[in-house]
Amino acid sequence: MNQKQWIDLTIDVMSRTEQPLQNHEISELCDNYIPNSMLARLNERVQIPLLTEIFSRGSAQQSFGDPNRLKEKILHDSVEDAFPTGSEAFLGLTRSFLTFRIETLDCVVDPPKTNIKIILSKIIVIYSDAFFPSPQVRKPVPPAFAKAQREFISTFGPRIDIDEFFRNNPLFSGSDRQIQQKSGCLVPILAIISGITFASMAYLLHNSI
């Protein structure tokens, strides 16, 4: 997806919220990124709706762009073949995010560095910090990450069956008791979202493919 396609998708996603994007905000998304500019306000407006869209598409078994591209980048395989024991809930959400990641990386590598590209990159880091803490996406995830994942899913993906997601999750090797622990409050999620640094984004963009 190119920048125009991402802008169009963002407009569509925001049109389903109570506060659709205004014309000046759409223009600002296309503006070149300037540190300490209006990015914080734009980010606050569109970040959570776009993050929610990842979970929404995951629950509907939909992707961003062509899922066959995962055979070329990141997984070098289909989601089903990479994680043959994964549940439908796990496969759907994983496919949605990894295709979001591919399409974002394709967009952000081309200059100029615009506000929408920074926002999309930040969303990748937020999701990866909870679900794929290692640059190698097939690497098992420590059980300690289960609580954060439950909170993300219950907050942004209410239509996803959380128990099914964990019951057949090939990335977890910890005990069922640790993985099945109930969600806490939303504060840790907000802390993760607000704590992303541009340094961590740069690390991700150099180690994702």
C-alpha atoms as a PDB file:
ATOM      1  CA  MET A   1       0.000   0.000   0.000  1.00  0.00           C
ATOM      2  CA  ASN A   2       1.239   3.472  -0.816  1.00  0.00           C
ATOM      3  CA  GLN A   3       0.697   6.617   1.234  1.00  0.00           C
ATOM      4  CA  LYS A   4      -2.504   7.594  -0.589  1.00  0.00           C
ATOM      5  CA  GLN A   5      -4.018   4.177   0.100  1.00  0.00           C
ATOM      6  CA  TRP A   6      -3.111   4.463   3.785  1.00  0.00           C
ATOM      7  CA  ILE A   7      -4.622   7.936   3.957  1.00  0.00           C
ATOM      8  CA  ASP A   8      -7.814   6.660   2.306  1.00  0.00           C
ATOM      9  CA  LEU A   9      -7.982   3.752   4.741  1.00  0.00           C
ATOM     10  CA  THR A  10      -7.441   6.092   7.694  1.00  0.00           C
ATOM     11  CA  ILE A  11     -10.232   8.376   6.472  1.00  0.00           C
ATOM     12  CA  ASP A  12     -12.532   5.356   6.151  1.00  0.00           C
ATOM     13  CA  VAL A  13     -11.650   4.030   9.615  1.00  0.00           C
ATOM     14  CA  MET A  14     -12.160   7.446  11.194  1.00  0.00           C
ATOM     15  CA  SER A  15     -15.492   7.900   9.384  1.00  0.00           C
ATOM     16  CA  ARG A  16     -16.827   5.055  11.547  1.00  0.00           C
ATOM     17  CA  THR A  17     -15.962   6.920  14.742  1.00  0.00           C
ATOM     18  CA  GLU A  18     -17.834   9.769  16.397  1.00  0.00           C
ATOM     19  CA  GLN A  19     -15.237  12.272  15.146  1.00  0.00           C
ATOM     20  CA  PRO A  20     -14.313  11.799  11.456  1.00  0.00           C
ATOM     21  CA  LEU A  21     -11.174  13.497  10.218  1.00  0.00           C
ATOM     22  CA  GLN A  22     -11.436  17.128   9.208  1.00  0.00           C
ATOM     23  CA  ASN A  23      -9.909  18.341   5.940  1.00  0.00           C
ATOM     24  CA  HIS A  24      -7.040  20.099   7.686  1.00  0.00           C
ATOM     25  CA  GLU A  25      -6.209  16.898   9.596  1.00  0.00           C
ATOM     26  CA  ILE A  26      -6.107  14.888   6.385  1.00  0.00           C
ATOM     27  CA  SER A  27      -3.718  17.456   4.962  1.00  0.00           C
ATOM     28  CA  GLU A  28      -1.567  17.288   8.096  1.00  0.00           C
ATOM     29  CA  LEU A  29      -1.260  13.502   7.806  1.00  0.00           C
ATOM     30  CA  CYS A  30       0.417  14.065   4.437  1.00  0.00           C
ATOM     31  CA  ASP A  31       2.761  16.753   5.735  1.00  0.00           C
ATOM     32  CA  ASN A  32       6.446  16.039   6.230  1.00  0.00           C
ATOM     33  CA  TYR A  33       7.247  14.977   9.763  1.00  0.00           C
ATOM     34  CA  ILE A  34       8.731  17.707  11.946  1.00  0.00           C
ATOM     35  CA  PRO A  35       9.709  16.736  15.518  1.00  0.00           C
ATOM     36  CA  ASN A  36       7.556  18.316  18.230  1.00  0.00           C
ATOM     37  CA  SER A  37       4.976  19.480  15.693  1.00  0.00           C
ATOM     38  CA  MET A  38       1.284  18.535  15.480  1.00  0.00           C
ATOM     39  CA  LEU A  39       2.114  14.815  15.364  1.00  0.00           C
ATOM     40  CA  ALA A  40       1.131  14.194  18.997  1.00  0.00           C
ATOM     41  CA  ARG A  41      -2.379  15.480  18.389  1.00  0.00           C
ATOM     42  CA  LEU A  42      -2.773  13.556  15.122  1.00  0.00           C
ATOM     43  CA  ASN A  43      -1.383  10.442  16.738  1.00  0.00           C
ATOM     44  CA  GLU A  44      -3.901  10.708  19.562  1.00  0.00           C
ATOM     45  CA  ARG A  45      -6.702  11.011  17.028  1.00  0.00           C
ATOM     46  CA  VAL A  46      -5.974   8.123  14.691  1.00  0.00           C
ATOM     47  CA  GLN A  47      -3.710   5.671  16.494  1.00  0.00           C
ATOM     48  CA  ILE A  48      -6.310   3.750  18.507  1.00  0.00           C
ATOM     49  CA  PRO A  49      -8.860   3.548  15.643  1.00  0.00           C
ATOM     50  CA  LEU A  50      -6.151   2.142  13.353  1.00  0.00           C
ATOM     51  CA  LEU A  51      -4.987  -0.274  16.043  1.00  0.00           C
ATOM     52  CA  THR A  52      -8.598  -1.375  16.505  1.00  0.00           C
ATOM     53  CA  GLU A  53      -8.832  -1.969  12.746  1.00  0.00           C
ATOM     54  CA  ILE A  54      -6.072  -4.589  13.018  1.00  0.00           C
ATOM     55  CA  PHE A  55      -8.104  -6.513  15.588  1.00  0.00           C
ATOM     56  CA  SER A  56     -11.335  -6.029  13.637  1.00  0.00           C
ATOM     57  CA  ARG A  57      -9.827  -7.479  10.477  1.00  0.00           C
ATOM     58  CA  GLY A  58      -8.274 -10.268  12.502  1.00  0.00           C
ATOM     59  CA  SER A  59     -11.636 -11.303  13.933  1.00  0.00           C
ATOM     60  CA  ALA A  60     -13.092 -11.260  10.386  1.00  0.00           C
ATOM     61  CA  GLN A  61     -10.167 -13.291   8.985  1.00  0.00           C
ATOM     62  CA  GLN A  62      -9.211 -10.370   6.747  1.00  0.00           C
ATOM     63  CA  SER A  63      -5.815  -8.926   5.866  1.00  0.00           C
ATOM     64  CA  PHE A  64      -4.222  -5.685   4.764  1.00  0.00           C
ATOM     65  CA  GLY A  65      -3.393  -6.246   1.119  1.00  0.00           C
ATOM     66  CA  ASP A  66      -2.501  -9.673  -0.229  1.00  0.00           C
ATOM     67  CA  PRO A  67      -1.757 -12.248   2.520  1.00  0.00           C
ATOM     68  CA  ASN A  68       0.340 -14.222   0.031  1.00  0.00           C
ATOM     69  CA  ARG A  69       2.998 -11.553   0.460  1.00  0.00           C
ATOM     70  CA  LEU A  70       3.817 -13.189   3.806  1.00  0.00           C
ATOM     71  CA  LYS A  71       5.424 -15.936   1.725  1.00  0.00           C
ATOM     72  CA  GLU A  72       7.882 -13.343   0.403  1.00  0.00           C
ATOM     73  CA  LYS A  73       8.582 -11.385   3.594  1.00  0.00           C
ATOM     74  CA  ILE A  74       8.550 -11.865   7.365  1.00  0.00           C
ATOM     75  CA  LEU A  75       7.217 -15.462   7.508  1.00  0.00           C
ATOM     76  CA  HIS A  76       8.353 -16.741   4.097  1.00  0.00           C
ATOM     77  CA  ASP A  77       5.300 -18.945   4.411  1.00  0.00           C
ATOM     78  CA  SER A  78       1.556 -18.641   4.821  1.00  0.00           C
ATOM     79  CA  VAL A  79       0.257 -18.061   8.340  1.00  0.00           C
ATOM     80  CA  GLU A  80      -1.428 -21.467   8.264  1.00  0.00           C
ATOM     81  CA  ASP A  81       1.770 -23.282   7.269  1.00  0.00           C
ATOM     82  CA  ALA A  82       3.964 -21.251   9.627  1.00  0.00           C
ATOM     83  CA  PHE A  83       1.677 -21.981  12.598  1.00  0.00           C
ATOM     84  CA  PRO A  84      -0.108 -25.260  11.728  1.00  0.00           C
ATOM     85  CA  THR A  85      -1.476 -25.760  15.255  1.00  0.00           C
ATOM     86  CA  GLY A  86      -2.787 -22.213  15.610  1.00  0.00           C
ATOM     87  CA  SER A  87      -6.459 -21.588  16.312  1.00  0.00           C
ATOM     88  CA  GLU A  88      -8.644 -19.577  13.949  1.00  0.00           C
ATOM     89  CA  ALA A  89      -8.506 -16.652  16.389  1.00  0.00           C
ATOM     90  CA  PHE A  90      -4.702 -16.759  16.541  1.00  0.00           C
ATOM     91  CA  LEU A  91      -4.258 -17.159  12.787  1.00  0.00           C
ATOM     92  CA  GLY A  92      -6.708 -14.374  11.960  1.00  0.00           C
ATOM     93  CA  LEU A  93      -5.111 -11.815  14.261  1.00  0.00           C
ATOM     94  CA  THR A  94      -1.579 -12.810  13.292  1.00  0.00           C
ATOM     95  CA  ARG A  95      -2.390 -12.564   9.578  1.00  0.00           C
ATOM     96  CA  SER A  96      -4.018  -9.163  10.046  1.00  0.00           C
ATOM     97  CA  PHE A  97      -1.074  -7.694  11.935  1.00  0.00           C
ATOM     98  CA  LEU A  98       1.708  -9.158   9.802  1.00  0.00           C
ATOM     99  CA  THR A  99       0.092  -7.929   6.581  1.00  0.00           C
ATOM    100  CA  PHE A 100      -0.372  -4.519   8.236  1.00  0.00           C
ATOM    101  CA  ARG A 101       3.334  -4.636   9.016  1.00  0.00           C
ATOM    102  CA  ILE A 102       4.364  -5.534   5.457  1.00  0.00           C
ATOM    103  CA  GLU A 103       2.203  -2.847   3.881  1.00  0.00           C
ATOM    104  CA  THR A 104       3.419  -0.227   6.363  1.00  0.00           C
ATOM    105  CA  LEU A 105       7.078  -1.058   5.808  1.00  0.00           C
ATOM    106  CA  ASP A 106       6.599  -0.827   2.052  1.00  0.00           C
ATOM    107  CA  CYS A 107       5.164   2.643   2.517  1.00  0.00           C
ATOM    108  CA  VAL A 108       7.590   4.098   5.048  1.00  0.00           C
ATOM    109  CA  VAL A 109      10.791   3.206   3.200  1.00  0.00           C
ATOM    110  CA  ASP A 110      10.007   5.688   0.441  1.00  0.00           C
ATOM    111  CA  PRO A 111      10.767   9.359   1.160  1.00  0.00           C
ATOM    112  CA  PRO A 112       9.596  11.768   2.340  1.00  0.00           C
ATOM    113  CA  LYS A 113       9.016  10.942   6.009  1.00  0.00           C
ATOM    114  CA  THR A 114       5.450  12.077   6.608  1.00  0.00           C
ATOM    115  CA  ASN A 115       3.215  12.141   9.674  1.00  0.00           C
ATOM    116  CA  ILE A 116       1.088   9.185   8.553  1.00  0.00           C
ATOM    117  CA  LYS A 117       4.217   7.080   8.066  1.00  0.00           C
ATOM    118  CA  ILE A 118       5.419   7.848  11.590  1.00  0.00           C
ATOM    119  CA  ILE A 119       2.011   6.996  13.052  1.00  0.00           C
ATOM    120  CA  LEU A 120       1.823   3.682  11.170  1.00  0.00           C
ATOM    121  CA  SER A 121       5.351   2.767  12.285  1.00  0.00           C
ATOM    122  CA  LYS A 122       4.456   3.517  15.886  1.00  0.00           C
ATOM    123  CA  ILE A 123       1.444   1.194  15.699  1.00  0.00           C
ATOM    124  CA  ILE A 124       3.727  -1.627  14.564  1.00  0.00           C
ATOM    125  CA  VAL A 125       5.949  -1.089  17.601  1.00  0.00           C
ATOM    126  CA  ILE A 126       2.983  -0.976  20.000  1.00  0.00           C
ATOM    127  CA  TYR A 127       1.596  -4.265  18.713  1.00  0.00           C
ATOM    128  CA  SER A 128       4.991  -5.960  18.467  1.00  0.00           C
ATOM    129  CA  ASP A 129       5.899  -5.028  22.046  1.00  0.00           C
ATOM    130  CA  ALA A 130       2.950  -7.096  23.292  1.00  0.00           C
ATOM    131  CA  PHE A 131       2.638  -9.907  20.744  1.00  0.00           C
ATOM    132  CA  PHE A 132       6.001 -10.310  18.971  1.00  0.00           C
ATOM    133  CA  PRO A 133       8.728  -9.060  21.358  1.00  0.00           C
ATOM    134  CA  SER A 134      11.400 -10.789  19.267  1.00  0.00           C
ATOM    135  CA  PRO A 135      12.242  -9.661  15.700  1.00  0.00           C
ATOM    136  CA  GLN A 136      11.856 -13.372  14.828  1.00  0.00           C
ATOM    137  CA  VAL A 137       8.071 -13.708  14.775  1.00  0.00           C
ATOM    138  CA  ARG A 138       8.099 -17.502  15.104  1.00  0.00           C
ATOM    139  CA  LYS A 139      10.097 -17.378  18.336  1.00  0.00           C
ATOM    140  CA  PRO A 140       8.092 -18.526  21.419  1.00  0.00           C
ATOM    141  CA  VAL A 141       6.740 -15.767  23.656  1.00  0.00           C
ATOM    142  CA  PRO A 142       7.333 -15.863  27.443  1.00  0.00           C
ATOM    143  CA  PRO A 143       4.137 -16.518  29.466  1.00  0.00           C
ATOM    144  CA  ALA A 144       4.541 -13.113  31.140  1.00  0.00           C
ATOM    145  CA  PHE A 145       3.251 -11.518  27.924  1.00  0.00           C
ATOM    146  CA  ALA A 146      -0.112 -13.288  28.184  1.00  0.00           C
ATOM    147  CA  LYS A 147      -1.663 -10.702  30.491  1.00  0.00           C
ATOM    148  CA  ALA A 148      -0.827  -7.780  28.206  1.00  0.00           C
ATOM    149  CA  GLN A 149      -2.135  -9.721  25.218  1.00  0.00           C
ATOM    150  CA  ARG A 150      -5.406 -10.446  27.006  1.00  0.00           C
ATOM    151  CA  GLU A 151      -5.796  -6.765  27.804  1.00  0.00           C
ATOM    152  CA  PHE A 152      -5.137  -5.751  24.211  1.00  0.00           C
ATOM    153  CA  ILE A 153      -7.616  -8.258  22.815  1.00  0.00           C
ATOM    154  CA  SER A 154     -10.357  -7.467  25.315  1.00  0.00           C
ATOM    155  CA  THR A 155      -9.894  -3.738  24.678  1.00  0.00           C
ATOM    156  CA  PHE A 156      -9.426  -3.599  20.908  1.00  0.00           C
ATOM    157  CA  GLY A 157     -10.863  -6.921  19.708  1.00  0.00           C
ATOM    158  CA  PRO A 158     -14.051  -7.689  21.671  1.00  0.00           C
ATOM    159  CA  ARG A 159     -15.244 -10.064  18.934  1.00  0.00           C
ATOM    160  CA  ILE A 160     -12.140 -12.243  19.254  1.00  0.00           C
ATOM    161  CA  ASP A 161     -12.504 -15.371  21.404  1.00  0.00           C
ATOM    162  CA  ILE A 162      -9.674 -14.823  23.890  1.00  0.00           C
ATOM    163  CA  ASP A 163      -9.763 -18.345  25.292  1.00  0.00           C
ATOM    164  CA  GLU A 164      -9.524 -19.821  21.793  1.00  0.00           C
ATOM    165  CA  PHE A 165      -6.652 -17.460  20.994  1.00  0.00           C
ATOM    166  CA  PHE A 166      -4.626 -18.835  23.922  1.00  0.00           C
ATOM    167  CA  ARG A 167      -5.860 -22.419  23.834  1.00  0.00           C
ATOM    168  CA  ASN A 168      -4.170 -23.076  20.474  1.00  0.00           C
ATOM    169  CA  ASN A 169      -1.432 -20.447  20.460  1.00  0.00           C
ATOM    170  CA  PRO A 170       1.783 -22.010  19.125  1.00  0.00           C
ATOM    171  CA  LEU A 171       3.947 -19.144  20.414  1.00  0.00           C
ATOM    172  CA  PHE A 172       3.267 -19.847  24.086  1.00  0.00           C
ATOM    173  CA  SER A 173       5.155 -22.597  25.846  1.00  0.00           C
ATOM    174  CA  GLY A 174       4.319 -21.612  29.426  1.00  0.00           C
ATOM    175  CA  SER A 175       1.890 -23.243  31.803  1.00  0.00           C
ATOM    176  CA  ASP A 176      -1.865 -22.989  31.214  1.00  0.00           C
ATOM    177  CA  ARG A 177      -2.271 -21.294  34.576  1.00  0.00           C
ATOM    178  CA  GLN A 178       0.058 -18.462  33.609  1.00  0.00           C
ATOM    179  CA  ILE A 179      -1.466 -18.021  30.176  1.00  0.00           C
ATOM    180  CA  GLN A 180      -5.081 -18.163  31.322  1.00  0.00           C
ATOM    181  CA  GLN A 181      -4.760 -15.437  33.953  1.00  0.00           C
ATOM    182  CA  LYS A 182      -7.455 -12.778  33.706  1.00  0.00           C
ATOM    183  CA  SER A 183      -6.957  -9.288  32.351  1.00  0.00           C
ATOM    184  CA  GLY A 184      -6.022  -6.431  34.613  1.00  0.00           C
ATOM    185  CA  CYS A 185      -6.817  -2.769  34.063  1.00  0.00           C
ATOM    186  CA  LEU A 186      -6.119  -0.810  30.910  1.00  0.00           C
ATOM    187  CA  VAL A 187      -3.327   1.273  32.437  1.00  0.00           C
ATOM    188  CA  PRO A 188      -0.469  -1.010  31.256  1.00  0.00           C
ATOM    189  CA  ILE A 189      -1.717  -0.775  27.653  1.00  0.00           C
ATOM    190  CA  LEU A 190      -1.875   2.994  27.768  1.00  0.00           C
ATOM    191  CA  ALA A 191       1.592   3.047  29.274  1.00  0.00           C
ATOM    192  CA  ILE A 192       2.902   0.943  26.391  1.00  0.00           C
ATOM    193  CA  ILE A 193       1.193   3.159  23.816  1.00  0.00           C
ATOM    194  CA  SER A 194       2.439   6.409  25.322  1.00  0.00           C
ATOM    195  CA  GLY A 195       5.943   5.111  25.936  1.00  0.00           C
ATOM    196  CA  ILE A 196       6.949   4.234  22.378  1.00  0.00           C
ATOM    197  CA  THR A 197      10.072   6.099  21.319  1.00  0.00           C
ATOM    198  CA  PHE A 198      11.261   6.983  17.850  1.00  0.00           C
ATOM    199  CA  ALA A 199      14.454   5.073  18.620  1.00  0.00           C
ATOM    200  CA  SER A 200      12.451   1.873  19.069  1.00  0.00           C
ATOM    201  CA  MET A 201      10.659   2.563  15.785  1.00  0.00           C
ATOM    202  CA  ALA A 202      13.982   2.931  13.998  1.00  0.00           C
ATOM    203  CA  TYR A 203      15.133  -0.399  15.475  1.00  0.00           C
ATOM    204  CA  LEU A 204      11.989  -2.128  14.272  1.00  0.00           C
ATOM    205  CA  LEU A 205      12.191  -0.724  10.750  1.00  0.00           C
ATOM    206  CA  HIS A 206      15.755  -1.994  10.397  1.00  0.00           C
ATOM    207  CA  ASN A 207      14.997  -5.485  11.735  1.00  0.00           C
ATOM    208  CA  SER A 208      11.562  -6.409  10.434  1.00  0.00           C
ATOM    209  CA  ILE A 209      12.232  -8.111   7.139  1.00  0.00           C
END
